[in-house]
Amino acid sequence: MEASIVEIMNRGMKCLTEHMGVVEAERFISVIIRERFDYTKWQREYFDTKAPEEISKEACEFEKEYPYIGEAVRL
């Protein structure tokens, strides 16, 4: 079943505020709106400069620092 826009927004805000705090989450959103941020373009530019091994290493380091402790979300 597809999540509604309201559900997606609620989950996104919850994630942002839990990991960044309310103030930083609001700043993040304001930057996205003000800069007309294109996440897909940024992601392509960011990952195109990295070797697969470097991405894997960074992912492993992130997992060690922030282990997943919640329930999986099925999309």
Protein backbone atom coordinates (compact mmCIF):
# COMPACT_ATOMS: atom_id res chain seq x y z
CA MET A 1 0.00 0.00 0.00
CA GLU A 2 1.35 3.42 -0.94
CA ALA A 3 1.91 5.98 1.81
CA SER A 4 -0.02 9.23 1.56
CA ILE A 5 1.75 12.57 1.19
CA VAL A 6 0.86 13.40 4.81
CA GLU A 7 2.33 10.10 6.05
CA ILE A 8 5.54 10.67 4.08
CA MET A 9 5.86 14.22 5.40
CA ASN A 10 5.23 13.09 8.98
CA ARG A 11 7.81 10.29 8.74
CA GLY A 12 10.32 12.63 7.11
CA MET A 13 9.92 15.32 9.76
CA LYS A 14 10.14 12.73 12.53
CA CYS A 15 13.37 11.40 11.04
CA LEU A 16 14.86 14.87 10.58
CA THR A 17 13.96 16.07 14.07
CA GLU A 18 15.14 12.87 15.78
CA HIS A 19 18.52 12.96 14.04
CA MET A 20 19.10 16.70 13.65
CA GLY A 21 16.93 18.36 16.26
CA VAL A 22 14.07 20.74 15.55
CA VAL A 23 16.16 23.82 14.76
CA GLU A 24 18.55 22.07 12.36
CA ALA A 25 15.66 20.23 10.68
CA GLU A 26 13.92 23.56 10.05
CA ARG A 27 17.15 25.06 8.71
CA PHE A 28 17.58 22.08 6.38
CA ILE A 29 14.07 22.50 5.01
CA SER A 30 14.49 26.25 4.53
CA VAL A 31 17.72 25.70 2.58
CA ILE A 32 16.06 23.10 0.37
CA ILE A 33 13.19 25.47 -0.41
CA ARG A 34 15.32 28.59 -0.86
CA GLU A 35 17.98 26.97 -3.03
CA ARG A 36 15.57 24.92 -5.12
CA PHE A 37 17.71 21.96 -4.23
CA ASP A 38 17.73 19.11 -6.72
CA TYR A 39 18.55 16.05 -4.63
CA THR A 40 18.85 13.77 -7.64
CA LYS A 41 21.36 16.07 -9.33
CA TRP A 42 23.33 16.50 -6.10
CA GLN A 43 23.39 12.76 -5.52
CA ARG A 44 24.62 12.10 -9.06
CA GLU A 45 27.37 14.75 -8.78
CA TYR A 46 28.40 13.50 -5.34
CA PHE A 47 28.57 9.81 -6.14
CA ASP A 48 30.04 10.19 -9.63
CA THR A 49 33.26 11.48 -8.04
CA LYS A 50 33.67 8.42 -5.80
CA ALA A 51 34.95 4.94 -6.51
CA PRO A 52 32.63 2.07 -5.48
CA GLU A 53 35.19 0.99 -2.86
CA GLU A 54 35.14 4.47 -1.31
CA ILE A 55 31.32 4.47 -1.13
CA SER A 56 31.38 1.02 0.46
CA LYS A 57 33.99 2.11 3.02
CA GLU A 58 31.99 5.22 3.94
CA ALA A 59 28.80 3.14 4.27
CA CYS A 60 30.53 0.67 6.59
CA GLU A 61 31.92 3.50 8.72
CA PHE A 62 28.49 5.11 8.91
CA GLU A 63 26.90 1.80 9.95
CA LYS A 64 29.45 1.38 12.75
CA GLU A 65 28.83 4.91 14.01
CA TYR A 66 25.04 4.78 13.60
CA PRO A 67 23.89 1.16 13.89
CA TYR A 68 20.33 0.51 12.82
CA ILE A 69 18.20 -0.30 15.85
CA GLY A 70 14.66 0.26 14.57
CA GLU A 71 12.21 -1.70 12.50
CA ALA A 72 12.64 -1.95 8.75
CA VAL A 73 10.31 0.10 6.60
CA ARG A 74 8.99 -1.79 3.62
CA LEU A 75 8.44 0.29 0.52
